[in-house]
Protein backbone atom coordinates (compact mmCIF):
# COMPACT_ATOMS: atom_id res chain seq x y z
CA UNK A 1 -232.25 64.21 161.19
CA UNK A 2 -229.33 64.04 163.63
CA UNK A 3 -229.60 63.27 167.30
CA UNK A 4 -228.82 66.87 168.15
CA UNK A 5 -231.58 68.12 165.87
CA UNK A 6 -233.99 65.51 167.21
CA UNK A 7 -233.30 66.55 170.79
CA UNK A 8 -233.62 70.27 170.00
CA UNK A 9 -236.77 69.86 167.89
CA UNK A 10 -238.46 67.63 170.47
CA UNK A 11 -241.41 69.54 171.99
CA UNK A 12 -240.97 67.89 175.40
CA UNK A 13 -237.35 69.11 175.78
CA UNK A 14 -236.50 72.78 176.14
CA UNK A 15 -233.64 74.25 174.16
CA UNK A 16 -231.49 74.58 177.31
CA UNK A 17 -232.19 70.97 178.27
CA UNK A 18 -231.31 69.85 174.78
CA UNK A 19 -228.01 71.73 174.96
CA UNK A 20 -227.23 70.22 178.35
CA UNK A 21 -228.11 66.78 177.00
CA UNK A 22 -225.81 67.27 174.04
CA UNK A 23 -222.97 68.44 176.33
CA UNK A 24 -223.47 65.35 178.47
CA UNK A 25 -223.41 63.11 175.41
CA UNK A 26 -220.22 64.74 174.16
CA UNK A 27 -218.60 64.29 177.56
CA UNK A 28 -219.59 60.59 177.56
CA UNK A 29 -218.20 60.15 174.05
CA UNK A 30 -214.84 61.62 175.10
CA UNK A 31 -214.72 59.37 178.18
CA UNK A 32 -215.68 56.36 176.11
CA UNK A 33 -212.96 57.11 173.57
CA UNK A 34 -210.38 57.51 176.34
CA UNK A 35 -211.42 54.19 177.89
CA UNK A 36 -211.39 52.46 174.49
CA UNK A 37 -207.81 53.63 174.01
CA UNK A 38 -206.91 52.18 177.41
CA UNK A 39 -208.65 48.86 176.79
CA UNK A 40 -206.97 48.20 173.45
CA UNK A 41 -204.39 46.33 175.53
CA UNK A 42 -207.12 44.06 176.90
CA UNK A 43 -206.02 40.46 177.17
CA UNK A 44 -208.03 37.34 177.96
CA UNK A 45 -207.23 35.57 181.21
CA UNK A 46 -205.93 32.58 179.30
CA UNK A 47 -203.43 34.81 177.48
CA UNK A 48 -201.93 36.58 180.49
CA UNK A 49 -198.21 36.34 180.18
CA UNK A 50 -196.90 34.44 183.15
CA UNK A 51 -193.15 34.71 183.26
CA UNK A 52 -191.39 31.37 183.39
CA UNK A 53 -190.65 30.48 186.95
CA UNK A 54 -187.19 29.70 188.25
CA UNK A 55 -186.18 26.56 190.08
CA UNK A 56 -186.25 28.47 193.39
CA UNK A 57 -189.80 29.67 192.73
CA UNK A 58 -190.86 26.16 191.78
CA UNK A 59 -189.30 24.84 194.99
CA UNK A 60 -191.03 27.57 197.04
CA UNK A 61 -194.38 26.60 195.50
CA UNK A 62 -193.73 22.93 196.25
CA UNK A 63 -192.79 23.69 199.87
CA UNK A 64 -195.85 25.93 200.35
CA UNK A 65 -198.21 23.37 198.84
CA UNK A 66 -196.70 20.52 200.86
CA UNK A 67 -196.54 22.29 204.22
CA UNK A 68 -199.96 23.84 203.71
CA UNK A 69 -201.72 20.47 203.59
CA UNK A 70 -203.41 18.23 206.13
CA UNK A 71 -201.29 15.35 204.96
CA UNK A 72 -198.16 17.20 206.12
CA UNK A 73 -199.76 18.21 209.44
CA UNK A 74 -200.75 14.61 210.13
CA UNK A 75 -197.34 13.29 209.01
CA UNK A 76 -195.44 15.82 211.15
CA UNK A 77 -197.69 15.28 214.19
CA UNK A 78 -197.20 11.53 213.89
CA UNK A 79 -193.42 12.01 213.62
CA UNK A 80 -193.31 14.26 216.70
CA UNK A 81 -195.42 11.82 218.72
CA UNK A 82 -193.19 8.89 217.66
CA UNK A 83 -190.08 10.98 218.51
CA UNK A 84 -191.38 11.75 222.00
CA UNK A 85 -192.61 8.19 222.66
CA UNK A 86 -189.31 6.72 221.39
CA UNK A 87 -187.30 9.00 223.68
CA UNK A 88 -189.50 8.40 226.71
CA UNK A 89 -189.46 4.60 226.25
CA UNK A 90 -185.67 4.57 225.72
CA UNK A 91 -185.20 5.91 229.23
CA UNK A 92 -181.59 6.77 230.11
CA UNK A 93 -180.29 5.69 226.67
CA UNK A 94 -182.51 8.11 224.70
CA UNK A 95 -180.98 10.19 221.91
CA UNK A 96 -183.01 13.31 222.92
CA UNK A 97 -184.01 13.19 226.57
CA UNK A 98 -186.73 15.37 228.04
CA UNK A 99 -187.17 18.47 227.39
CA UNK A 100 -186.47 17.31 223.79
CA UNK A 101 -184.00 20.05 222.86
CA UNK A 102 -182.97 18.33 219.61
CA UNK A 103 -186.63 18.13 218.55
CA UNK A 104 -187.07 21.85 219.30
CA UNK A 105 -183.94 22.62 217.28
CA UNK A 106 -185.20 20.57 214.29
CA UNK A 107 -188.62 22.25 214.40
CA UNK A 108 -186.96 25.68 214.62
CA UNK A 109 -184.84 24.90 211.57
CA UNK A 110 -187.93 23.75 209.72
CA UNK A 111 -189.80 26.97 210.59
CA UNK A 112 -186.80 29.15 209.73
CA UNK A 113 -186.51 27.69 206.23
CA UNK A 114 -190.14 27.15 205.34
CA UNK A 115 -191.38 30.64 206.29
CA UNK A 116 -189.35 32.44 203.57
CA UNK A 117 -190.28 29.77 201.02
CA UNK A 118 -193.96 30.25 201.82
CA UNK A 119 -193.58 34.05 201.60
CA UNK A 120 -191.92 33.76 198.17
CA UNK A 121 -194.76 31.58 196.95
CA UNK A 122 -197.36 33.98 198.34
CA UNK A 123 -195.65 36.97 196.72
CA UNK A 124 -195.66 35.25 193.34
CA UNK A 125 -199.34 34.29 193.75
CA UNK A 126 -200.11 37.85 194.79
CA UNK A 127 -198.55 39.17 191.57
CA UNK A 128 -200.66 36.74 189.51
CA UNK A 129 -203.77 37.82 191.42
CA UNK A 130 -202.95 41.48 190.70
CA UNK A 131 -202.67 40.74 186.99
CA UNK A 132 -205.99 38.88 187.02
CA UNK A 133 -207.66 41.74 188.92
CA UNK A 134 -206.34 44.29 186.42
CA UNK A 135 -207.61 42.18 183.55
CA UNK A 136 -211.02 41.84 185.25
CA UNK A 137 -211.14 45.60 185.72
CA UNK A 138 -210.39 46.22 182.05
CA UNK A 139 -213.08 43.73 181.00
CA UNK A 140 -215.59 45.43 183.33
CA UNK A 141 -214.73 48.87 181.93
CA UNK A 142 -215.20 47.58 178.40
CA UNK A 143 -218.55 46.01 179.32
CA UNK A 144 -219.64 49.23 181.01
CA UNK A 145 -218.76 51.22 177.89
CA UNK A 146 -220.70 48.82 175.70
CA UNK A 147 -223.73 49.05 178.00
CA UNK A 148 -223.49 52.83 177.99
CA UNK A 149 -223.36 52.82 174.20
CA UNK A 150 -226.47 50.61 174.10
CA UNK A 151 -228.24 52.99 176.49
CA UNK A 152 -227.37 55.90 174.25
CA UNK A 153 -228.69 54.07 171.17
CA UNK A 154 -231.92 53.22 172.99
CA UNK A 155 -232.28 56.87 174.08
CA UNK A 156 -231.83 57.99 170.48
CA UNK A 157 -234.40 55.45 169.28
CA UNK A 158 -236.85 56.62 171.95
CA UNK A 159 -236.33 60.25 170.94
CA UNK A 160 -236.88 59.40 167.29
CA UNK A 161 -240.01 57.41 168.13
CA UNK A 162 -241.28 60.28 170.26
CA UNK A 163 -240.69 62.68 167.36
CA UNK A 164 -242.57 60.37 164.96
CA UNK A 165 -245.44 60.06 167.41
CA UNK A 166 -245.50 63.82 167.95
CA UNK A 167 -245.53 64.41 164.19
CA UNK A 168 -248.31 61.82 163.77
CA UNK A 169 -250.40 63.44 166.49
CA UNK A 170 -249.81 66.84 164.90
CA UNK A 171 -250.84 65.48 161.48
CA UNK A 172 -253.90 63.76 162.90
CA UNK A 173 -254.86 66.91 164.79
CA UNK A 174 -254.52 68.94 161.59
CA UNK A 175 -256.65 66.41 159.67
CA UNK A 176 -259.24 66.40 162.45
CA UNK A 177 -259.35 70.18 162.45
CA UNK A 178 -259.68 70.18 158.67
CA UNK A 179 -262.52 67.63 158.81
CA UNK A 180 -264.22 69.58 161.60
CA UNK A 181 -264.04 72.78 159.54
CA UNK A 182 -265.43 70.95 156.49
CA UNK A 183 -268.34 69.61 158.54
CA UNK A 184 -269.05 73.06 159.98
CA UNK A 185 -268.94 74.61 156.49
CA UNK A 186 -271.49 72.05 155.19
CA UNK A 187 -273.99 72.94 157.93
């Protein structure tokens, strides 16, 4: 007996409900097939193709990882403090007297060159994150489809069990009626 026949023959489901249920199942099958076709390209995270990076990209990553660390902040702060102390203690013979214009110029150059390098590194990381998110989405869709398929199988099993129970109750009722009639006939 097919699922469609089971649903239609089930005494607890009306014919209209059974038709609606079958239409819903067919719709889910079409969606599942469409999603399966999409997820055939599914790739594990370990197998995501990461294009080889150029020397400039490698340098941008190195700059971003160096400048974005506490070690660099401490090193630069120590250097600035030593620069200021050295110039103040030198007095009139200092190489960068107060207001430390040379120091400001050096820090401006540093900011001007590190900002684009950091942006390049962030853009590349953003692209990798997008690929990982797409892969996660595809994995989630596949898992959802598998769960939906399991739900459908459980629903079919429940319908079949309900039909068997209904048939058993019908058979037992018929046997009980037959036995009752036999007892009444003997009296």
